[in-house]
Each structure stands twice: as structure tokens, then as C-alpha cells.
Amino acid sequence: MRVPKRNGAVGKIADGWSLSGIITFQSGFPIRITDSTDNELQYSFDFLTPGEPNLVGKFRRLDPRGPGHFAFDPSAFADPGPVGVIGSSPRTICCGPGINNFDVAFLKDTTVTEKTRLQFRAEFFNLFNHAQFVNPAPTGGVASADFNSGAFGTVVRARDPRLIQFALKFIF
């Protein structure tokens, strides 16, 4: 479909608009479940803790907005048992909180003279202001959850809320 060009003041306002955007849907990143007690006696100074707790129940995802802000049910895990025993939990369990995000930009190009133009931009990040949670972790920044931390399974951080920015650029 061709949009007709207009002349005069109406053309300066109505012509030259553009729309762009990025839509992101992700089911969530895997969560690495670790156990820092080193019951299996395999600790390594240079790498992540090698231990895992026992998986004693069905892994169940939870809504972080609920009581306790849990991403999954922590009662599905238990201590691995006596020294030298490796827990039955898989190393990574899928998945942490998902993402559904809409970023949109509106652009308006206006010709000032033959060699110059003015560009206006309005950018909206997380347009619908959906809560975008990160994986549970004791520090909120590592993609793992330590069974022995007090925050096991708890989401302690979220991504940015809606951000809006405007820009005006003179192109010559």
C-alpha cells in the first residue's frame, strides 16, 4: 500500500513516520542447582561447586509474584545424605522465569532544507511494563541456585521496568 505524500504544513506533520520494534518471547533459562556443603568430597577451588542436592519431589515452577517470591518449589530438594554421596538432582533444571517483552520505537523524519533534516525518536522499552524476573540465585546475578543458601529458589531481582526516551537529531 502506498501512502500519499502531502504538501505544506500538513505534509510536515503527517509524512515521514516510521515504526520499528523488537518482540521477545523466551521460556526461561536453565537453573543450575548446586550444593556448597561438598558432601561428595569433590570440591574444586577454580570452578562452581560440584555437588547437587537430592531431588525428592516433582520439580514445579512457581510464579515469583507469589508468597516467598519463589521461581520453583524448594521443598522438592533435600540434603544429599552422608559424606561421599552425590545427590540425585540433575545439574540443570529447566527453567527459570520466562520473558515476554515488547520494545517499540517511533521515528519522524522532517525535511528542513534540501540538505538538512530533523529526526524525532520516541523509544519505549518494556512497553507494557511486564515484570521480567531473573533466575533465582543467592546474589541475584548468577545463573545458579545454592541449595544451602537462605534464598534457595527465591527470585531476588527483576529486569528493568518500562523505560521511555526521546531524542531529537539534526542531520546535515
N, C-alpha and C. Protein backbone atom coordinates (compact mmCIF):
# COMPACT_ATOMS: atom_id res chain seq x y z
N MET A 1 0.85 -1.18 0.00
CA MET A 1 0.00 0.00 0.00
C MET A 1 0.90 1.24 0.00
N ARG A 2 0.61 2.15 -0.85
CA ARG A 2 1.40 3.38 -0.96
C ARG A 2 0.69 4.49 -0.19
N VAL A 3 1.44 5.17 0.67
CA VAL A 3 0.90 6.28 1.44
C VAL A 3 1.18 7.56 0.65
N PRO A 4 0.13 8.33 0.32
CA PRO A 4 0.37 9.54 -0.47
C PRO A 4 1.13 10.60 0.32
N LYS A 5 1.98 11.33 -0.37
CA LYS A 5 2.73 12.44 0.23
C LYS A 5 1.84 13.68 0.22
N ARG A 6 1.98 14.47 1.27
CA ARG A 6 1.20 15.70 1.38
C ARG A 6 2.14 16.90 1.32
N ASN A 7 1.61 18.02 0.93
CA ASN A 7 2.40 19.24 0.83
C ASN A 7 2.06 20.19 1.97
N GLY A 8 2.94 21.14 2.21
CA GLY A 8 2.69 22.20 3.17
C GLY A 8 2.84 21.73 4.61
N ALA A 9 2.16 22.43 5.51
CA ALA A 9 2.26 22.14 6.94
C ALA A 9 1.71 20.76 7.28
N VAL A 10 0.64 20.34 6.58
CA VAL A 10 0.08 19.00 6.82
C VAL A 10 1.12 17.92 6.46
N GLY A 11 1.85 18.12 5.39
CA GLY A 11 2.89 17.18 4.99
C GLY A 11 4.02 17.10 5.99
N LYS A 12 4.39 18.26 6.57
CA LYS A 12 5.46 18.28 7.58
C LYS A 12 5.07 17.48 8.81
N ILE A 13 3.78 17.45 9.16
CA ILE A 13 3.31 16.72 10.34
C ILE A 13 3.00 15.27 10.03
N ALA A 14 2.33 15.00 8.92
CA ALA A 14 1.82 13.66 8.63
C ALA A 14 2.82 12.74 7.93
N ASP A 15 3.75 13.28 7.16
CA ASP A 15 4.69 12.44 6.40
C ASP A 15 5.95 12.12 7.21
N GLY A 16 6.63 11.05 6.82
CA GLY A 16 7.95 10.73 7.37
C GLY A 16 7.96 9.90 8.64
N TRP A 17 6.83 9.29 8.99
CA TRP A 17 6.79 8.48 10.22
C TRP A 17 7.26 7.06 9.93
N SER A 18 7.95 6.46 10.90
CA SER A 18 8.39 5.06 10.83
C SER A 18 8.14 4.40 12.17
N LEU A 19 7.99 3.10 12.13
CA LEU A 19 7.78 2.31 13.34
C LEU A 19 8.72 1.12 13.30
N SER A 20 9.38 0.86 14.41
CA SER A 20 10.22 -0.34 14.50
C SER A 20 10.05 -0.95 15.88
N GLY A 21 10.41 -2.20 15.99
CA GLY A 21 10.26 -2.84 17.29
C GLY A 21 10.96 -4.18 17.38
N ILE A 22 11.08 -4.62 18.62
CA ILE A 22 11.64 -5.95 18.92
C ILE A 22 10.69 -6.62 19.90
N ILE A 23 10.26 -7.81 19.55
CA ILE A 23 9.39 -8.59 20.43
C ILE A 23 10.18 -9.82 20.86
N THR A 24 10.24 -10.06 22.16
CA THR A 24 11.00 -11.20 22.70
C THR A 24 10.09 -12.08 23.53
N PHE A 25 10.06 -13.37 23.20
CA PHE A 25 9.37 -14.38 24.00
C PHE A 25 10.38 -15.49 24.28
N GLN A 26 10.67 -15.73 25.56
CA GLN A 26 11.56 -16.81 25.95
C GLN A 26 10.92 -17.58 27.09
N SER A 27 11.12 -18.90 27.08
CA SER A 27 10.51 -19.73 28.12
C SER A 27 11.29 -19.65 29.43
N GLY A 28 12.50 -19.18 29.42
CA GLY A 28 13.32 -19.08 30.62
C GLY A 28 14.62 -19.84 30.46
N PHE A 29 15.64 -19.40 31.19
CA PHE A 29 16.95 -20.03 31.11
C PHE A 29 17.04 -21.18 32.11
N PRO A 30 17.85 -22.19 31.82
CA PRO A 30 18.02 -23.29 32.78
C PRO A 30 18.59 -22.78 34.10
N ILE A 31 18.23 -23.45 35.16
CA ILE A 31 18.70 -23.11 36.50
C ILE A 31 19.69 -24.19 36.93
N ARG A 32 20.89 -23.79 37.32
CA ARG A 32 21.88 -24.74 37.82
C ARG A 32 21.69 -24.86 39.33
N ILE A 33 21.39 -26.07 39.79
CA ILE A 33 21.18 -26.33 41.21
C ILE A 33 22.49 -26.88 41.78
N THR A 34 23.04 -26.21 42.78
CA THR A 34 24.30 -26.67 43.38
C THR A 34 24.13 -26.81 44.89
N ASP A 35 25.08 -27.49 45.50
CA ASP A 35 25.09 -27.69 46.95
C ASP A 35 26.50 -27.40 47.43
N SER A 36 26.68 -26.35 48.20
CA SER A 36 28.01 -25.92 48.60
C SER A 36 28.57 -26.67 49.80
N THR A 37 27.87 -27.64 50.36
CA THR A 37 28.38 -28.36 51.53
C THR A 37 29.51 -29.32 51.18
N ASP A 38 29.68 -29.67 49.92
CA ASP A 38 30.74 -30.57 49.47
C ASP A 38 30.66 -31.94 50.14
N ASN A 39 29.46 -32.49 50.30
CA ASN A 39 29.30 -33.83 50.88
C ASN A 39 29.96 -34.91 50.03
N GLU A 40 30.02 -34.72 48.73
CA GLU A 40 30.60 -35.74 47.85
C GLU A 40 32.11 -35.65 47.77
N LEU A 41 32.73 -34.68 48.47
CA LEU A 41 34.19 -34.52 48.55
C LEU A 41 34.83 -34.32 47.19
N GLN A 42 34.21 -33.50 46.34
CA GLN A 42 34.74 -33.22 45.01
C GLN A 42 34.95 -31.73 44.78
N TYR A 43 35.08 -30.96 45.83
CA TYR A 43 35.15 -29.50 45.68
C TYR A 43 36.36 -29.08 44.86
N SER A 44 36.17 -28.07 44.04
CA SER A 44 37.24 -27.51 43.23
C SER A 44 37.27 -26.01 43.47
N PHE A 45 38.43 -25.48 43.77
CA PHE A 45 38.58 -24.06 44.07
C PHE A 45 38.27 -23.18 42.85
N ASP A 46 38.64 -23.65 41.65
CA ASP A 46 38.54 -22.83 40.45
C ASP A 46 37.19 -22.88 39.74
N PHE A 47 36.32 -23.81 40.09
CA PHE A 47 35.07 -23.98 39.36
C PHE A 47 33.88 -23.89 40.30
N LEU A 48 32.68 -23.96 39.73
CA LEU A 48 31.48 -23.97 40.55
C LEU A 48 31.47 -25.21 41.44
N THR A 49 30.74 -25.11 42.54
CA THR A 49 30.66 -26.28 43.43
C THR A 49 30.06 -27.45 42.67
N PRO A 50 30.65 -28.66 42.80
CA PRO A 50 30.22 -29.80 42.01
C PRO A 50 29.00 -30.52 42.55
N GLY A 51 28.60 -30.27 43.79
CA GLY A 51 27.54 -31.06 44.40
C GLY A 51 26.15 -30.65 43.99
N GLU A 52 25.23 -31.61 44.13
CA GLU A 52 23.82 -31.38 43.92
C GLU A 52 23.05 -31.98 45.08
N PRO A 53 21.92 -31.38 45.44
CA PRO A 53 21.06 -32.00 46.45
C PRO A 53 20.25 -33.14 45.81
N ASN A 54 19.52 -33.88 46.63
CA ASN A 54 18.62 -34.91 46.12
C ASN A 54 17.34 -34.27 45.63
N LEU A 55 16.82 -34.78 44.54
CA LEU A 55 15.51 -34.37 44.06
C LEU A 55 14.51 -35.35 44.65
N VAL A 56 13.71 -34.91 45.62
CA VAL A 56 12.81 -35.81 46.35
C VAL A 56 11.35 -35.62 45.96
N GLY A 57 11.06 -34.67 45.11
CA GLY A 57 9.70 -34.42 44.66
C GLY A 57 9.71 -33.96 43.22
N LYS A 58 8.52 -33.72 42.69
CA LYS A 58 8.41 -33.25 41.31
C LYS A 58 8.83 -31.78 41.25
N PHE A 59 9.67 -31.44 40.27
CA PHE A 59 10.08 -30.06 40.06
C PHE A 59 8.86 -29.28 39.57
N ARG A 60 8.53 -28.21 40.27
CA ARG A 60 7.35 -27.42 39.97
C ARG A 60 7.73 -25.95 39.89
N ARG A 61 7.44 -25.32 38.75
CA ARG A 61 7.68 -23.88 38.60
C ARG A 61 6.60 -23.11 39.34
N LEU A 62 6.99 -21.99 39.94
CA LEU A 62 6.05 -21.13 40.65
C LEU A 62 6.13 -19.71 40.09
N ASP A 63 5.11 -18.92 40.37
CA ASP A 63 5.10 -17.53 39.95
C ASP A 63 5.87 -16.69 40.99
N PRO A 64 6.94 -16.02 40.60
CA PRO A 64 7.73 -15.22 41.55
C PRO A 64 6.93 -14.11 42.24
N ARG A 65 5.77 -13.76 41.72
CA ARG A 65 4.95 -12.73 42.35
C ARG A 65 4.25 -13.26 43.61
N GLY A 66 4.24 -14.58 43.80
CA GLY A 66 3.54 -15.21 44.92
C GLY A 66 4.31 -15.11 46.22
N PRO A 67 3.75 -15.73 47.29
CA PRO A 67 4.41 -15.69 48.60
C PRO A 67 5.82 -16.27 48.55
N GLY A 68 6.75 -15.59 49.14
CA GLY A 68 8.14 -16.03 49.18
C GLY A 68 8.93 -15.71 47.93
N HIS A 69 8.28 -15.29 46.86
CA HIS A 69 8.93 -14.93 45.59
C HIS A 69 9.75 -16.09 45.02
N PHE A 70 9.21 -17.31 45.09
CA PHE A 70 9.92 -18.49 44.60
C PHE A 70 9.69 -18.69 43.10
N ALA A 71 10.77 -19.07 42.38
CA ALA A 71 10.66 -19.41 40.96
C ALA A 71 10.31 -20.88 40.81
N PHE A 72 10.64 -21.68 41.82
CA PHE A 72 10.29 -23.10 41.83
C PHE A 72 10.11 -23.54 43.27
N ASP A 73 9.55 -24.72 43.46
CA ASP A 73 9.26 -25.24 44.80
C ASP A 73 10.54 -25.79 45.43
N PRO A 74 11.11 -25.12 46.44
CA PRO A 74 12.36 -25.59 47.04
C PRO A 74 12.19 -26.86 47.87
N SER A 75 10.95 -27.20 48.25
CA SER A 75 10.74 -28.41 49.06
C SER A 75 10.93 -29.69 48.24
N ALA A 76 11.12 -29.56 46.92
CA ALA A 76 11.38 -30.74 46.09
C ALA A 76 12.82 -31.21 46.21
N PHE A 77 13.65 -30.50 46.98
CA PHE A 77 15.07 -30.84 47.13
C PHE A 77 15.39 -31.11 48.59
N ALA A 78 16.35 -32.01 48.83
CA ALA A 78 16.79 -32.34 50.19
C ALA A 78 18.29 -32.57 50.20
N ASP A 79 18.89 -32.58 51.41
CA ASP A 79 20.33 -32.85 51.54
C ASP A 79 20.67 -34.19 50.89
N PRO A 80 21.85 -34.26 50.26
CA PRO A 80 22.23 -35.49 49.55
C PRO A 80 22.49 -36.68 50.47
N GLY A 81 22.66 -36.46 51.74
CA GLY A 81 22.88 -37.59 52.64
C GLY A 81 24.27 -37.63 53.21
N PRO A 82 24.79 -38.83 53.48
CA PRO A 82 26.10 -38.94 54.14
C PRO A 82 27.25 -38.47 53.25
N VAL A 83 28.39 -38.24 53.88
CA VAL A 83 29.59 -37.80 53.17
C VAL A 83 29.97 -38.84 52.11
N GLY A 84 30.34 -38.34 50.93
CA GLY A 84 30.75 -39.20 49.83
C GLY A 84 29.62 -39.55 48.88
N VAL A 85 28.41 -39.13 49.16
CA VAL A 85 27.25 -39.45 48.31
C VAL A 85 26.91 -38.23 47.47
N ILE A 86 26.70 -38.47 46.18
CA ILE A 86 26.32 -37.40 45.26
C ILE A 86 24.80 -37.37 45.17
N GLY A 87 24.21 -36.18 45.21
CA GLY A 87 22.77 -36.03 45.15
C GLY A 87 22.18 -36.46 43.82
N SER A 88 20.88 -36.73 43.80
CA SER A 88 20.19 -37.24 42.61
C SER A 88 19.62 -36.15 41.72
N SER A 89 19.74 -34.90 42.12
CA SER A 89 19.19 -33.80 41.32
C SER A 89 20.00 -33.64 40.03
N PRO A 90 19.33 -33.38 38.90
CA PRO A 90 20.10 -33.08 37.68
C PRO A 90 20.88 -31.78 37.85
N ARG A 91 21.95 -31.64 37.12
CA ARG A 91 22.82 -30.46 37.24
C ARG A 91 22.08 -29.16 36.87
N THR A 92 21.28 -29.22 35.83
CA THR A 92 20.46 -28.07 35.47
C THR A 92 19.01 -28.52 35.33
N ILE A 93 18.13 -27.65 35.75
CA ILE A 93 16.71 -27.92 35.65
C ILE A 93 16.10 -26.77 34.87
N CYS A 94 15.22 -27.07 33.97
CA CYS A 94 14.60 -26.03 33.17
C CYS A 94 13.28 -25.64 33.80
N CYS A 95 12.94 -24.53 33.95
CA CYS A 95 13.56 -23.30 33.50
C CYS A 95 13.20 -22.21 34.49
N GLY A 96 13.97 -21.16 34.47
CA GLY A 96 13.68 -20.00 35.30
C GLY A 96 12.53 -19.21 34.72
N PRO A 97 12.25 -18.06 35.30
CA PRO A 97 11.16 -17.22 34.81
C PRO A 97 11.35 -16.82 33.35
N GLY A 98 10.29 -16.85 32.59
CA GLY A 98 10.34 -16.51 31.17
C GLY A 98 10.32 -15.00 30.94
N ILE A 99 10.43 -14.65 29.68
CA ILE A 99 10.44 -13.24 29.28
C ILE A 99 9.40 -13.05 28.18
N ASN A 100 8.57 -12.04 28.31
CA ASN A 100 7.75 -11.56 27.19
C ASN A 100 7.87 -10.04 27.20
N ASN A 101 8.56 -9.54 26.20
CA ASN A 101 8.95 -8.14 26.20
C ASN A 101 8.68 -7.51 24.83
N PHE A 102 8.23 -6.26 24.86
CA PHE A 102 7.96 -5.51 23.64
C PHE A 102 8.72 -4.18 23.71
N ASP A 103 9.63 -3.97 22.76
CA ASP A 103 10.35 -2.70 22.61
C ASP A 103 9.87 -2.06 21.31
N VAL A 104 9.49 -0.79 21.37
CA VAL A 104 8.91 -0.11 20.20
C VAL A 104 9.56 1.26 20.05
N ALA A 105 9.79 1.66 18.80
CA ALA A 105 10.33 2.99 18.51
C ALA A 105 9.50 3.64 17.40
N PHE A 106 9.17 4.90 17.60
CA PHE A 106 8.50 5.72 16.59
C PHE A 106 9.50 6.77 16.13
N LEU A 107 9.65 6.92 14.81
CA LEU A 107 10.58 7.89 14.25
C LEU A 107 9.84 8.82 13.32
N LYS A 108 10.23 10.08 13.33
CA LYS A 108 9.63 11.06 12.44
C LYS A 108 10.76 11.85 11.79
N ASP A 109 10.90 11.72 10.46
CA ASP A 109 11.89 12.49 9.69
C ASP A 109 11.19 13.66 9.04
N THR A 110 11.71 14.86 9.25
CA THR A 110 11.14 16.07 8.66
C THR A 110 12.24 16.79 7.88
N THR A 111 12.01 17.01 6.60
CA THR A 111 12.97 17.74 5.78
C THR A 111 12.88 19.23 6.10
N VAL A 112 14.05 19.81 6.42
CA VAL A 112 14.11 21.24 6.74
C VAL A 112 14.50 22.01 5.49
N THR A 113 15.63 21.64 4.89
CA THR A 113 16.06 22.19 3.61
C THR A 113 16.46 21.01 2.74
N GLU A 114 17.00 21.31 1.56
CA GLU A 114 17.39 20.24 0.66
C GLU A 114 18.48 19.35 1.25
N LYS A 115 19.36 19.93 2.08
CA LYS A 115 20.48 19.17 2.64
C LYS A 115 20.34 18.86 4.12
N THR A 116 19.31 19.30 4.76
CA THR A 116 19.17 19.08 6.21
C THR A 116 17.80 18.49 6.54
N ARG A 117 17.78 17.75 7.63
CA ARG A 117 16.51 17.23 8.11
C ARG A 117 16.57 17.08 9.63
N LEU A 118 15.41 16.98 10.21
CA LEU A 118 15.26 16.85 11.65
C LEU A 118 14.61 15.49 11.92
N GLN A 119 15.18 14.76 12.86
CA GLN A 119 14.61 13.45 13.19
C GLN A 119 14.21 13.43 14.66
N PHE A 120 12.98 13.03 14.92
CA PHE A 120 12.46 12.85 16.28
C PHE A 120 12.28 11.36 16.51
N ARG A 121 12.71 10.89 17.69
CA ARG A 121 12.57 9.48 18.06
C ARG A 121 11.89 9.39 19.43
N ALA A 122 10.96 8.46 19.54
CA ALA A 122 10.35 8.12 20.83
C ALA A 122 10.51 6.60 20.97
N GLU A 123 11.24 6.17 22.00
CA GLU A 123 11.53 4.76 22.19
C GLU A 123 10.96 4.28 23.52
N PHE A 124 10.30 3.14 23.46
CA PHE A 124 9.65 2.55 24.63
C PHE A 124 10.22 1.15 24.83
N PHE A 125 10.92 0.93 25.94
CA PHE A 125 11.48 -0.37 26.27
C PHE A 125 10.60 -1.00 27.33
N ASN A 126 10.22 -2.28 27.15
CA ASN A 126 9.26 -2.97 28.01
C ASN A 126 7.95 -2.18 27.99
N LEU A 127 7.43 -2.01 26.79
CA LEU A 127 6.27 -1.15 26.53
C LEU A 127 5.10 -1.40 27.47
N PHE A 128 4.76 -2.68 27.73
CA PHE A 128 3.59 -3.00 28.55
C PHE A 128 3.94 -3.16 30.03
N ASN A 129 5.20 -2.86 30.38
CA ASN A 129 5.68 -2.88 31.76
C ASN A 129 5.45 -4.23 32.46
N HIS A 130 5.70 -5.34 31.72
CA HIS A 130 5.60 -6.67 32.32
C HIS A 130 6.78 -6.89 33.26
N ALA A 131 6.53 -7.53 34.38
CA ALA A 131 7.62 -7.88 35.29
C ALA A 131 8.46 -8.98 34.62
N GLN A 132 9.74 -8.73 34.46
CA GLN A 132 10.67 -9.68 33.83
C GLN A 132 11.68 -10.10 34.89
N PHE A 133 11.51 -11.28 35.48
CA PHE A 133 12.35 -11.72 36.58
C PHE A 133 13.60 -12.44 36.07
N VAL A 134 14.70 -12.33 36.84
CA VAL A 134 15.92 -13.07 36.54
C VAL A 134 15.88 -14.41 37.26
N ASN A 135 16.80 -15.30 36.92
CA ASN A 135 16.86 -16.61 37.58
C ASN A 135 17.11 -16.46 39.08
N PRO A 136 16.60 -17.39 39.87
CA PRO A 136 16.86 -17.33 41.31
C PRO A 136 18.33 -17.60 41.60
N ALA A 137 18.86 -16.87 42.54
CA ALA A 137 20.25 -17.05 42.94
C ALA A 137 20.46 -16.30 44.25
N PRO A 138 21.42 -16.72 45.06
CA PRO A 138 21.67 -16.00 46.31
C PRO A 138 22.03 -14.53 46.10
N THR A 139 22.78 -14.24 45.03
CA THR A 139 23.17 -12.86 44.79
C THR A 139 22.28 -12.19 43.77
N GLY A 140 21.45 -12.95 43.09
CA GLY A 140 20.57 -12.38 42.07
C GLY A 140 21.26 -12.14 40.75
N GLY A 141 22.54 -12.44 40.63
CA GLY A 141 23.24 -12.17 39.39
C GLY A 141 23.85 -13.40 38.75
N VAL A 142 23.89 -14.51 39.45
CA VAL A 142 24.49 -15.73 38.93
C VAL A 142 23.38 -16.67 38.52
N ALA A 143 23.57 -17.39 37.43
CA ALA A 143 22.52 -18.28 36.93
C ALA A 143 22.58 -19.64 37.64
N SER A 144 22.70 -19.64 38.95
CA SER A 144 22.68 -20.88 39.72
C SER A 144 21.97 -20.62 41.04
N ALA A 145 21.57 -21.70 41.68
CA ALA A 145 20.90 -21.58 42.97
C ALA A 145 21.56 -22.56 43.93
N ASP A 146 22.13 -22.07 45.02
CA ASP A 146 22.81 -22.90 46.00
C ASP A 146 21.79 -23.41 47.01
N PHE A 147 21.69 -24.74 47.09
CA PHE A 147 20.72 -25.38 47.97
C PHE A 147 20.87 -24.94 49.42
N ASN A 148 22.07 -24.63 49.85
CA ASN A 148 22.30 -24.28 51.25
C ASN A 148 22.18 -22.79 51.55
N SER A 149 21.85 -22.00 50.55
CA SER A 149 21.68 -20.57 50.84
C SER A 149 20.28 -20.35 51.39
N GLY A 150 20.11 -19.28 52.12
CA GLY A 150 18.79 -18.96 52.66
C GLY A 150 17.82 -18.51 51.59
N ALA A 151 18.33 -18.18 50.41
CA ALA A 151 17.49 -17.68 49.32
C ALA A 151 17.26 -18.73 48.24
N PHE A 152 17.42 -20.01 48.55
CA PHE A 152 17.30 -21.07 47.54
C PHE A 152 15.93 -21.03 46.88
N GLY A 153 15.93 -20.86 45.56
CA GLY A 153 14.70 -20.82 44.78
C GLY A 153 14.01 -19.47 44.75
N THR A 154 14.56 -18.49 45.46
CA THR A 154 13.92 -17.18 45.56
C THR A 154 14.43 -16.24 44.47
N VAL A 155 13.51 -15.57 43.81
CA VAL A 155 13.87 -14.54 42.83
C VAL A 155 14.10 -13.25 43.60
N VAL A 156 15.31 -12.71 43.48
CA VAL A 156 15.66 -11.52 44.25
C VAL A 156 15.86 -10.28 43.39
N ARG A 157 15.69 -10.43 42.06
CA ARG A 157 15.91 -9.29 41.17
C ARG A 157 15.01 -9.39 39.95
N ALA A 158 14.69 -8.24 39.39
CA ALA A 158 13.91 -8.18 38.15
C ALA A 158 14.66 -7.32 37.14
N ARG A 159 14.33 -7.52 35.88
CA ARG A 159 14.91 -6.67 34.84
C ARG A 159 14.26 -5.29 34.89
N ASP A 160 14.72 -4.39 34.05
CA ASP A 160 14.24 -3.01 34.06
C ASP A 160 12.73 -2.92 33.83
N PRO A 161 12.09 -1.96 34.47
CA PRO A 161 10.68 -1.69 34.18
C PRO A 161 10.58 -0.93 32.85
N ARG A 162 9.40 -0.41 32.56
CA ARG A 162 9.25 0.37 31.33
C ARG A 162 10.18 1.57 31.36
N LEU A 163 10.91 1.75 30.27
CA LEU A 163 11.79 2.92 30.11
C LEU A 163 11.37 3.63 28.84
N ILE A 164 11.32 4.95 28.89
CA ILE A 164 10.94 5.75 27.74
C ILE A 164 12.02 6.80 27.52
N GLN A 165 12.41 6.96 26.25
CA GLN A 165 13.38 8.02 25.96
C GLN A 165 13.00 8.71 24.65
N PHE A 166 13.29 10.00 24.61
CA PHE A 166 13.00 10.81 23.44
C PHE A 166 14.32 11.40 22.95
N ALA A 167 14.42 11.57 21.64
CA ALA A 167 15.63 12.15 21.07
C ALA A 167 15.25 13.05 19.88
N LEU A 168 16.02 14.08 19.70
CA LEU A 168 15.85 14.98 18.57
C LEU A 168 17.22 15.14 17.94
N LYS A 169 17.30 14.84 16.65
CA LYS A 169 18.60 14.86 15.95
C LYS A 169 18.50 15.76 14.72
N PHE A 170 19.49 16.62 14.57
CA PHE A 170 19.58 17.48 13.41
C PHE A 170 20.63 16.88 12.48
N ILE A 171 20.22 16.47 11.28
CA ILE A 171 21.11 15.80 10.32
C ILE A 171 21.45 16.78 9.21
N PHE A 172 22.76 17.01 9.00
CA PHE A 172 23.18 17.96 7.97
C PHE A 172 24.32 17.39 7.16
